[in-house]
Amino acid sequence: MPEVLTPIIPENITVHLGPPDSSAQNVTVNFVEYIKNVASSEIYPTWPEAALRANIYAIITYALNRIYTEWYPSRGYNFDITNSTAVDQAFVPNREIFENISLIVDDIFNDYVVRQGEIQPLFTAFCNGTTSRCDGLSQWGSVDLARAGLTPYQILQNYYGQDIGIVENAPVADIDGSYPGVPLRVGDSGNNVKIIQTELNRIARNYPAIPKITEENGIFGVDTQNAVRKFQEIFDLTPSGEVDKSTWYKIKRYYVGVKGLSDLTSEGVTISEAQIPFSTQLREGSQGIGVRTIQYYLNILAYFNPALVAPPLDGVYGATTTNAVRIFQEYYGLPITGVMNTATWNVLNRIYSETVEFLPQGYSGNFGKLYPGYVLSEGMSGQNVSDLQTYLSLIGQNIDAIPVIPVTGYFGSQTKDAVIAVQRAFGIPQNGAVGAITWNTIVKEYDSIIANQNS
């Protein structure tokens, strides 16, 4: 069952103490203390508890929506939310916190409102209901409903619709910006690529000049590059075809806009849209193709750098792989956890790519070349594609299940079919793209055939 990227409760939130464009100070505060402060500023502690809880649900969810959509970072600001009630909700530094409000927040701070079938925190707009009115919750109106005997959930349904739900006990974690820290380009793969593909395809429904990405599979191929480049052209960014930080957040901004994620009538993000093809972390006990990939990278690097350790290529994240990752992290100044997280993977991928790039001319290791450091997929061309086709063609001449293909230097449908045949024959996930494990499998088989021919 694919994993789903769902919102988490942040440990901290950064508040701008004024309207968005003002030069006011930013303060970073604990999220729970922030909710207590806003609730103590927005509502009265003498209200019925059902009204207090309904309002606090709305306050929590509103803040989480701002964080989830990266509403302000995607517009170039360095904060999560403002304390301007014209656009956000009240926050008064160092104000008194009411005891009963504090207790309620402690109870429900990691609960939030969603639309059923969606995962993002609902845009729970609210207003006082007397001097200002809105399409969301009326604060004073919630008091009347509570006095009439409605529960907090029923009060929320009254304002946000019968199809809402409450996510309870969401995990708490420290949250950085969503940008992966390095530009995404052709040959990259992973969940960040999948996110960009999903968001660009949705934006393309409103901006049809952006070409459709055929497969949202987490592999940055030529069609993804073309979609990124067209997006950049439309929105006045350098049309590099790479997703740098400015492009990442511009895509995020327009995706949020076309989906209306910061509107009460949001189109929403469904569970299927948020499914991710790759594990977000690999650690002791993990198994599979992702583990085999990092083991392969560490083996190659350890061959050239004796300070590193080569784990077994068995696809099992055991104690030896954990130790190899810890040694790699220590050598490159990363937190020493033994866990393969995004930051460690980015460094591992970069060091591997640099190592392969600067090998002496003609170095191969055996007969076939080392994995070039990026995923080869349909639509790509160049020397690495030619080499791949050379290996596949020879394998096809010796294994009936693998088709013989021409060496053209272009990765077309014939090459993809041959790759899938290899993946099927050797028990590799059949996506038709050539990552480290598929490349290594092809090269090992090619080397074995050459060795046998020479013996």
Protein backbone atom coordinates (compact mmCIF):
# COMPACT_ATOMS: atom_id res chain seq x y z
CA MET A 1 0.00 0.00 0.00
CA PRO A 2 1.59 3.33 -1.02
CA GLU A 3 2.47 5.78 1.72
CA VAL A 4 0.51 9.04 1.85
CA LEU A 5 2.05 12.42 2.57
CA THR A 6 -0.19 13.91 5.25
CA PRO A 7 0.11 17.12 7.25
CA ILE A 8 1.87 17.09 10.59
CA ILE A 9 1.71 19.48 13.52
CA PRO A 10 4.76 21.77 13.59
CA GLU A 11 6.76 22.26 16.74
CA ASN A 12 7.07 25.98 15.97
CA ILE A 13 5.44 28.64 13.82
CA THR A 14 6.92 31.95 12.63
CA VAL A 15 4.57 34.92 13.00
CA HIS A 16 4.95 38.30 11.29
CA LEU A 17 3.79 40.99 13.71
CA GLY A 18 1.95 43.09 11.18
CA PRO A 19 0.45 43.04 7.68
CA PRO A 20 2.37 40.93 5.15
CA ASP A 21 4.20 43.80 3.42
CA SER A 22 5.08 45.68 6.60
CA SER A 23 8.58 45.84 8.06
CA ALA A 24 7.34 44.39 11.34
CA GLN A 25 9.30 41.86 13.37
CA ASN A 26 9.05 38.09 12.92
CA VAL A 27 8.81 35.91 16.02
CA THR A 28 9.10 32.12 16.13
CA VAL A 29 7.01 30.56 18.86
CA ASN A 30 5.97 27.10 19.97
CA PHE A 31 2.89 26.06 17.98
CA VAL A 32 0.86 25.08 21.04
CA GLU A 33 1.66 28.39 22.77
CA TYR A 34 0.74 30.20 19.55
CA ILE A 35 -2.71 28.56 19.48
CA LYS A 36 -3.26 29.39 23.16
CA ASN A 37 -2.32 33.02 22.49
CA VAL A 38 -4.58 33.36 19.44
CA ALA A 39 -7.50 31.68 21.20
CA SER A 40 -7.07 33.96 24.22
CA SER A 41 -7.02 36.96 21.86
CA GLU A 42 -9.92 35.90 19.61
CA ILE A 43 -12.51 34.40 21.98
CA TYR A 44 -13.79 34.81 25.54
CA PRO A 45 -13.04 32.26 28.29
CA THR A 46 -16.58 32.67 29.66
CA TRP A 47 -18.15 31.13 26.54
CA PRO A 48 -19.66 27.61 26.73
CA GLU A 49 -17.02 24.91 26.34
CA ALA A 50 -18.56 23.59 23.12
CA ALA A 51 -18.16 27.04 21.55
CA LEU A 52 -14.59 27.34 22.83
CA ARG A 53 -13.65 23.97 21.38
CA ALA A 54 -15.28 24.70 18.01
CA ASN A 55 -13.42 28.00 17.76
CA ILE A 56 -10.11 26.46 18.80
CA TYR A 57 -10.52 23.74 16.15
CA ALA A 58 -10.99 26.54 13.60
CA ILE A 59 -7.94 28.46 14.88
CA ILE A 60 -5.70 25.38 14.79
CA THR A 61 -6.87 24.36 11.32
CA TYR A 62 -6.53 27.87 9.90
CA ALA A 63 -2.89 28.04 11.02
CA LEU A 64 -2.17 24.57 9.65
CA ASN A 65 -3.70 25.53 6.30
CA ARG A 66 -1.32 28.49 6.05
CA ILE A 67 1.61 26.18 6.83
CA TYR A 68 0.47 23.30 4.59
CA THR A 69 -0.05 25.55 1.57
CA GLU A 70 3.15 27.52 2.32
CA TRP A 71 1.00 30.53 1.59
CA TYR A 72 3.59 33.11 2.57
CA PRO A 73 6.88 31.34 1.68
CA SER A 74 5.53 30.69 -1.83
CA ARG A 75 5.14 34.47 -2.18
CA GLY A 76 8.69 35.19 -1.08
CA TYR A 77 8.03 35.93 2.61
CA ASN A 78 10.09 34.40 5.42
CA PHE A 79 7.23 33.67 7.82
CA ASP A 80 4.29 31.28 8.13
CA ILE A 81 1.46 33.61 9.17
CA THR A 82 0.78 37.20 10.23
CA ASN A 83 -1.00 38.58 13.27
CA SER A 84 -3.02 40.95 11.11
CA THR A 85 -6.71 40.13 11.60
CA ALA A 86 -7.38 41.62 8.16
CA VAL A 87 -5.76 38.55 6.60
CA ASP A 88 -5.06 36.07 9.40
CA GLN A 89 -5.76 35.73 13.13
CA ALA A 90 -4.83 37.71 16.23
CA PHE A 91 -1.58 37.04 18.07
CA VAL A 92 -0.45 39.36 20.87
CA PRO A 93 3.07 38.71 22.18
CA ASN A 94 3.33 38.10 25.93
CA ARG A 95 -0.41 38.33 26.53
CA GLU A 96 -2.20 36.56 29.38
CA ILE A 97 -3.39 33.02 28.55
CA PHE A 98 -6.72 31.94 30.05
CA GLU A 99 -6.50 28.72 32.04
CA ASN A 100 -9.56 26.96 30.61
CA ILE A 101 -8.50 27.84 27.05
CA SER A 102 -4.99 26.55 27.79
CA LEU A 103 -6.39 23.20 28.97
CA ILE A 104 -8.57 22.79 25.88
CA VAL A 105 -5.65 23.58 23.57
CA ASP A 106 -3.48 21.02 25.37
CA ASP A 107 -6.23 18.48 24.68
CA ILE A 108 -6.83 19.15 20.96
CA PHE A 109 -3.79 21.02 19.58
CA ASN A 110 -2.97 18.11 17.24
CA ASP A 111 -6.52 17.73 15.91
CA TYR A 112 -7.75 19.60 12.85
CA VAL A 113 -10.65 19.89 10.42
CA VAL A 114 -10.64 18.32 6.95
CA ARG A 115 -13.14 17.80 4.20
CA GLN A 116 -13.96 14.08 4.03
CA GLY A 117 -11.84 12.31 1.41
CA GLU A 118 -9.21 15.07 1.46
CA ILE A 119 -6.00 15.38 3.47
CA GLN A 120 -5.17 19.08 3.71
CA PRO A 121 -6.36 21.18 6.66
CA LEU A 122 -9.53 22.98 5.60
CA PHE A 123 -9.37 26.75 5.19
CA THR A 124 -11.47 27.40 8.31
CA ALA A 125 -12.26 31.06 7.80
CA PHE A 126 -13.96 32.75 10.75
CA CYS A 127 -15.10 36.18 11.90
CA ASN A 128 -16.75 37.63 14.98
CA GLY A 129 -20.22 37.59 13.40
CA THR A 130 -21.15 41.05 14.68
CA THR A 131 -18.91 43.78 13.25
CA SER A 132 -17.71 41.47 10.47
CA ARG A 133 -19.31 38.58 8.64
CA CYS A 134 -17.82 35.87 6.42
CA ASP A 135 -18.62 32.54 4.79
CA GLY A 136 -16.99 30.63 7.64
CA LEU A 137 -17.56 30.34 11.36
CA SER A 138 -19.28 33.13 13.30
CA GLN A 139 -17.59 33.35 16.70
CA TRP A 140 -20.59 34.84 18.48
CA GLY A 141 -22.94 32.64 16.45
CA SER A 142 -21.08 29.59 17.78
CA VAL A 143 -21.98 30.72 21.31
CA ASP A 144 -25.70 30.67 20.48
CA LEU A 145 -25.35 27.21 18.93
CA ALA A 146 -23.51 25.91 21.98
CA ARG A 147 -26.21 27.26 24.27
CA ALA A 148 -28.76 25.48 22.09
CA GLY A 149 -26.99 22.20 22.91
CA LEU A 150 -24.90 21.58 19.80
CA THR A 151 -21.58 19.75 20.19
CA PRO A 152 -18.31 21.27 18.90
CA TYR A 153 -18.46 18.99 15.84
CA GLN A 154 -22.06 19.97 15.10
CA ILE A 155 -21.14 23.65 15.41
CA LEU A 156 -18.34 23.16 12.90
CA GLN A 157 -20.69 21.28 10.56
CA ASN A 158 -23.15 24.16 10.76
CA TYR A 159 -20.55 26.53 9.30
CA TYR A 160 -18.29 24.32 7.17
CA GLY A 161 -20.70 21.67 5.91
CA GLN A 162 -21.89 18.20 6.84
CA ASP A 163 -19.00 16.52 4.99
CA ILE A 164 -16.22 17.60 7.33
CA GLY A 165 -14.16 15.32 9.56
CA ILE A 166 -11.69 15.75 12.40
CA VAL A 167 -8.17 14.33 12.14
CA GLU A 168 -7.12 13.38 15.67
CA ASN A 169 -3.67 12.99 17.22
CA ALA A 170 -1.68 14.05 14.16
CA PRO A 171 2.08 13.60 14.64
CA VAL A 172 4.19 16.52 15.83
CA ALA A 173 7.52 17.25 14.14
CA ASP A 174 9.91 20.04 13.33
CA ILE A 175 9.06 21.33 9.83
CA ASP A 176 11.39 22.99 7.35
CA GLY A 177 10.30 24.48 4.05
CA SER A 178 9.25 21.86 1.51
CA TYR A 179 11.97 22.76 -1.04
CA PRO A 180 14.29 19.70 -1.13
CA GLY A 181 17.45 21.82 -0.87
CA VAL A 182 18.87 21.04 -4.32
CA PRO A 183 17.47 21.74 -7.79
CA LEU A 184 15.53 18.90 -9.44
CA ARG A 185 16.60 18.04 -12.98
CA VAL A 186 16.38 15.35 -15.65
CA GLY A 187 17.46 12.01 -14.21
CA ASP A 188 16.36 12.75 -10.64
CA SER A 189 13.78 10.58 -8.95
CA GLY A 190 11.84 10.50 -5.71
CA ASN A 191 8.84 11.94 -3.96
CA ASN A 192 9.80 15.55 -4.62
CA VAL A 193 9.68 14.83 -8.36
CA LYS A 194 6.29 13.15 -7.90
CA ILE A 195 4.99 16.24 -6.08
CA ILE A 196 6.13 18.54 -8.90
CA GLN A 197 4.58 16.26 -11.55
CA THR A 198 1.22 16.16 -9.76
CA GLU A 199 1.16 19.91 -9.21
CA LEU A 200 2.21 20.79 -12.77
CA ASN A 201 -0.42 18.50 -14.27
CA ARG A 202 -3.11 20.18 -12.17
CA ILE A 203 -1.86 23.67 -13.08
CA ALA A 204 -1.91 22.62 -16.76
CA ARG A 205 -5.69 22.23 -16.61
CA ASN A 206 -5.88 26.02 -16.10
CA TYR A 207 -2.83 26.77 -18.28
CA PRO A 208 -3.14 24.29 -21.20
CA ALA A 209 0.08 25.53 -22.83
CA ILE A 210 1.91 23.46 -20.20
CA PRO A 211 2.33 19.97 -21.70
CA LYS A 212 0.88 17.01 -19.83
CA ILE A 213 3.32 14.79 -17.94
CA THR A 214 2.28 11.30 -19.03
CA GLU A 215 3.31 9.41 -15.89
CA GLU A 216 3.37 10.93 -12.40
CA ASN A 217 5.88 8.30 -11.33
CA GLY A 218 8.51 10.30 -9.48
CA ILE A 219 11.03 10.03 -12.34
CA PHE A 220 12.19 13.36 -13.83
CA GLY A 221 12.16 12.58 -17.53
CA VAL A 222 12.07 14.70 -20.66
CA ASP A 223 8.31 15.25 -20.45
CA THR A 224 8.69 16.63 -16.92
CA GLN A 225 11.52 18.87 -18.11
CA ASN A 226 9.33 20.20 -20.94
CA ALA A 227 6.46 20.93 -18.55
CA VAL A 228 8.79 22.72 -16.13
CA ARG A 229 10.33 24.78 -18.92
CA LYS A 230 6.92 25.87 -20.27
CA PHE A 231 5.78 26.78 -16.75
CA GLN A 232 8.90 28.89 -16.33
CA GLU A 233 8.27 30.64 -19.64
CA ILE A 234 4.67 31.44 -18.72
CA PHE A 235 5.53 32.80 -15.28
CA ASP A 236 8.64 34.81 -16.18
CA LEU A 237 11.26 32.48 -14.74
CA THR A 238 14.50 31.45 -16.42
CA PRO A 239 13.40 28.55 -18.68
CA SER A 240 16.07 26.11 -17.56
CA GLY A 241 13.82 23.07 -17.24
CA GLU A 242 15.22 22.57 -13.72
CA VAL A 243 13.22 23.10 -10.54
CA ASP A 244 15.27 25.48 -8.41
CA LYS A 245 13.95 27.11 -5.24
CA SER A 246 12.16 29.96 -7.02
CA THR A 247 10.49 27.56 -9.47
CA TRP A 248 9.54 25.15 -6.68
CA TYR A 249 7.70 27.84 -4.73
CA LYS A 250 6.16 29.40 -7.82
CA ILE A 251 4.71 25.99 -8.73
CA LYS A 252 3.49 25.63 -5.14
CA ARG A 253 1.84 29.06 -5.27
CA TYR A 254 -0.08 28.41 -8.49
CA TYR A 255 -1.05 24.89 -7.46
CA VAL A 256 -2.56 26.26 -4.25
CA GLY A 257 -4.30 28.92 -6.32
CA VAL A 258 -5.88 26.67 -8.95
CA LYS A 259 -6.95 24.13 -6.30
CA GLY A 260 -8.27 26.88 -4.03
CA LEU A 261 -6.57 25.25 -1.05
CA SER A 262 -6.77 28.49 0.90
CA ASP A 263 -10.47 28.91 0.20
CA LEU A 264 -13.42 27.44 2.05
CA THR A 265 -14.63 25.92 -1.23
CA SER A 266 -11.29 24.20 -1.87
CA GLU A 267 -11.02 21.58 -4.59
CA GLY A 268 -8.91 19.67 -2.09
CA VAL A 269 -6.04 17.22 -2.21
CA THR A 270 -7.25 13.63 -2.29
CA ILE A 271 -5.46 10.67 -0.76
CA SER A 272 -4.69 9.28 -4.24
CA GLU A 273 -3.05 12.57 -5.25
CA ALA A 274 -0.88 12.52 -2.16
CA GLN A 275 0.33 8.93 -2.52
CA ILE A 276 4.09 8.70 -2.82
CA PRO A 277 6.08 5.99 -4.60
CA PHE A 278 9.23 6.03 -2.47
CA SER A 279 9.93 5.72 1.26
CA THR A 280 10.59 9.09 2.91
CA GLN A 281 13.22 7.52 5.16
CA LEU A 282 15.19 4.29 5.13
CA ARG A 283 16.40 2.89 8.42
CA GLU A 284 17.30 -0.37 10.11
CA GLY A 285 14.61 -2.89 9.23
CA SER A 286 13.82 -1.35 5.80
CA GLN A 287 14.07 -3.60 2.75
CA GLY A 288 13.76 -3.33 -1.01
CA ILE A 289 15.01 -1.49 -4.07
CA GLY A 290 15.67 1.77 -2.19
CA VAL A 291 17.95 -0.02 0.27
CA ARG A 292 19.78 -1.77 -2.56
CA THR A 293 20.31 1.59 -4.25
CA ILE A 294 22.01 3.24 -1.26
CA GLN A 295 24.05 0.07 -0.67
CA TYR A 296 25.23 0.25 -4.29
CA TYR A 297 26.19 3.92 -3.95
CA LEU A 298 28.07 3.28 -0.70
CA ASN A 299 29.91 0.32 -2.23
CA ILE A 300 31.15 2.38 -5.17
CA LEU A 301 32.19 5.29 -2.95
CA ALA A 302 33.94 2.98 -0.49
CA TYR A 303 35.96 1.52 -3.38
CA PHE A 304 37.39 4.96 -4.09
CA ASN A 305 37.46 6.28 -0.50
CA PRO A 306 38.86 3.88 2.14
CA ALA A 307 37.42 6.07 4.92
CA LEU A 308 33.95 4.80 3.97
CA VAL A 309 32.48 1.33 4.49
CA ALA A 310 30.80 -0.91 1.89
CA PRO A 311 27.66 -2.68 3.16
CA PRO A 312 26.44 -5.93 1.58
CA LEU A 313 24.27 -5.56 -1.53
CA ASP A 314 21.40 -7.57 -0.08
CA GLY A 315 18.55 -5.05 -0.01
CA VAL A 316 18.25 -5.35 3.78
CA TYR A 317 18.93 -2.32 5.98
CA GLY A 318 20.69 -4.17 8.77
CA ALA A 319 23.34 -3.19 11.30
CA THR A 320 26.13 -3.11 8.70
CA THR A 321 24.20 -0.74 6.44
CA THR A 322 23.32 1.45 9.42
CA ASN A 323 27.00 1.59 10.36
CA ALA A 324 28.01 2.42 6.78
CA VAL A 325 25.49 5.26 6.68
CA ARG A 326 26.69 6.59 10.05
CA ILE A 327 30.31 6.60 8.84
CA PHE A 328 29.25 8.40 5.64
CA GLN A 329 27.31 10.99 7.66
CA GLU A 330 30.24 11.59 10.00
CA TYR A 331 32.70 11.94 7.12
CA TYR A 332 30.54 14.55 5.36
CA GLY A 333 29.52 16.49 8.48
CA LEU A 334 25.89 15.34 8.64
CA PRO A 335 23.92 14.46 11.79
CA ILE A 336 25.05 10.93 12.69
CA THR A 337 21.78 8.99 12.84
CA GLY A 338 22.34 5.97 10.63
CA VAL A 339 19.05 6.88 8.93
CA MET A 340 18.93 7.64 5.20
CA ASN A 341 16.81 10.79 5.18
CA THR A 342 16.46 13.43 2.46
CA ALA A 343 19.48 15.48 3.57
CA THR A 344 21.76 12.42 3.65
CA TRP A 345 20.45 11.16 0.32
CA ASN A 346 21.08 14.53 -1.34
CA VAL A 347 24.72 14.45 -0.23
CA LEU A 348 25.15 10.75 -1.11
CA ASN A 349 23.68 11.32 -4.57
CA ARG A 350 25.86 14.40 -5.15
CA ILE A 351 29.08 12.72 -4.01
CA TYR A 352 28.36 9.65 -6.13
CA SER A 353 27.63 11.76 -9.23
CA GLU A 354 30.79 13.81 -8.73
CA THR A 355 32.87 10.65 -8.24
CA VAL A 356 31.60 9.08 -11.46
CA GLU A 357 31.95 12.32 -13.40
CA PHE A 358 35.62 12.76 -12.52
CA LEU A 359 36.77 9.19 -13.08
CA PRO A 360 39.71 8.87 -15.50
CA GLN A 361 38.77 8.75 -19.16
CA GLY A 362 37.86 5.22 -20.19
CA TYR A 363 37.47 3.88 -16.66
CA SER A 364 34.75 1.27 -16.55
CA GLY A 365 35.33 -0.97 -13.55
CA ASN A 366 34.89 -4.06 -15.73
CA PHE A 367 33.51 -4.14 -19.26
CA GLY A 368 30.42 -2.05 -18.61
CA LYS A 369 30.48 1.46 -17.15
CA LEU A 370 29.46 2.45 -13.65
CA TYR A 371 25.94 3.82 -13.22
CA PRO A 372 26.09 7.44 -14.49
CA GLY A 373 24.37 8.86 -11.41
CA TYR A 374 20.96 9.73 -12.85
CA VAL A 375 17.88 7.82 -13.98
CA LEU A 376 17.65 7.15 -17.71
CA SER A 377 14.10 7.19 -19.05
CA GLU A 378 12.10 7.42 -22.26
CA GLY A 379 12.83 10.51 -24.36
CA MET A 380 16.45 10.89 -23.26
CA SER A 381 19.45 10.63 -25.57
CA GLY A 382 23.24 10.66 -25.44
CA GLN A 383 26.25 8.45 -24.85
CA ASN A 384 24.89 6.82 -21.71
CA VAL A 385 21.77 5.78 -23.63
CA SER A 386 23.98 4.35 -26.39
CA ASP A 387 25.97 2.40 -23.81
CA LEU A 388 22.77 1.10 -22.24
CA GLN A 389 21.47 -0.03 -25.61
CA THR A 390 24.80 -1.74 -26.34
CA TYR A 391 24.50 -3.73 -23.13
CA LEU A 392 20.84 -4.56 -23.71
CA SER A 393 21.45 -5.64 -27.30
CA LEU A 394 24.12 -8.15 -26.30
CA ILE A 395 21.98 -9.46 -23.44
CA GLY A 396 19.09 -9.86 -25.87
CA GLN A 397 21.26 -11.97 -28.14
CA ASN A 398 21.89 -14.36 -25.25
CA ILE A 399 18.60 -14.35 -23.29
CA ASP A 400 15.41 -15.11 -25.23
CA ALA A 401 13.21 -13.11 -22.85
CA ILE A 402 15.10 -9.88 -23.64
CA PRO A 403 14.47 -8.30 -27.07
CA VAL A 404 17.46 -7.32 -29.22
CA ILE A 405 17.37 -3.57 -29.85
CA PRO A 406 19.32 -1.20 -32.11
CA VAL A 407 21.93 1.19 -30.71
CA THR A 408 20.59 4.63 -31.66
CA GLY A 409 21.46 6.82 -28.68
CA TYR A 410 17.76 7.64 -28.22
CA PHE A 411 15.70 6.07 -25.42
CA GLY A 412 12.50 5.19 -27.23
CA SER A 413 9.77 2.60 -26.78
CA GLN A 414 11.99 -0.29 -27.92
CA THR A 415 14.56 0.52 -25.26
CA LYS A 416 11.85 0.89 -22.63
CA ASP A 417 10.39 -2.51 -23.55
CA ALA A 418 13.84 -4.10 -23.28
CA VAL A 419 14.41 -2.47 -19.88
CA ILE A 420 11.05 -3.75 -18.62
CA ALA A 421 11.97 -7.24 -19.86
CA VAL A 422 15.21 -7.11 -17.87
CA GLN A 423 13.39 -5.83 -14.78
CA ARG A 424 10.83 -8.62 -15.10
CA ALA A 425 13.51 -11.28 -15.56
CA PHE A 426 15.56 -10.14 -12.57
CA GLY A 427 12.79 -9.25 -10.12
CA ILE A 428 13.17 -5.46 -10.28
CA PRO A 429 10.11 -3.16 -10.15
CA GLN A 430 8.98 -2.77 -13.77
CA ASN A 431 8.87 0.97 -14.50
CA GLY A 432 10.88 1.01 -17.73
CA ALA A 433 13.39 3.50 -16.31
CA VAL A 434 17.01 2.74 -15.51
CA GLY A 435 18.09 3.60 -12.00
CA ALA A 436 21.15 2.36 -10.15
CA ILE A 437 19.95 -1.19 -9.52
CA THR A 438 18.60 -1.76 -13.03
CA TRP A 439 21.80 -0.34 -14.53
CA ASN A 440 23.98 -2.46 -12.25
CA THR A 441 21.97 -5.59 -13.07
CA ILE A 442 22.29 -4.95 -16.82
CA VAL A 443 26.02 -4.25 -16.56
CA LYS A 444 26.69 -7.36 -14.45
CA GLU A 445 24.87 -9.53 -16.98
CA TYR A 446 26.71 -7.82 -19.85
CA ASP A 447 30.06 -8.30 -18.08
CA SER A 448 29.28 -11.97 -17.49
CA ILE A 449 28.51 -12.53 -21.18
CA ILE A 450 31.70 -10.74 -22.29
CA ALA A 451 33.78 -12.69 -19.77
CA ASN A 452 32.35 -15.98 -21.02
CA GLN A 453 33.02 -15.01 -24.63
CA ASN A 454 36.64 -14.16 -23.77
CA SER A 455 37.31 -17.33 -21.79
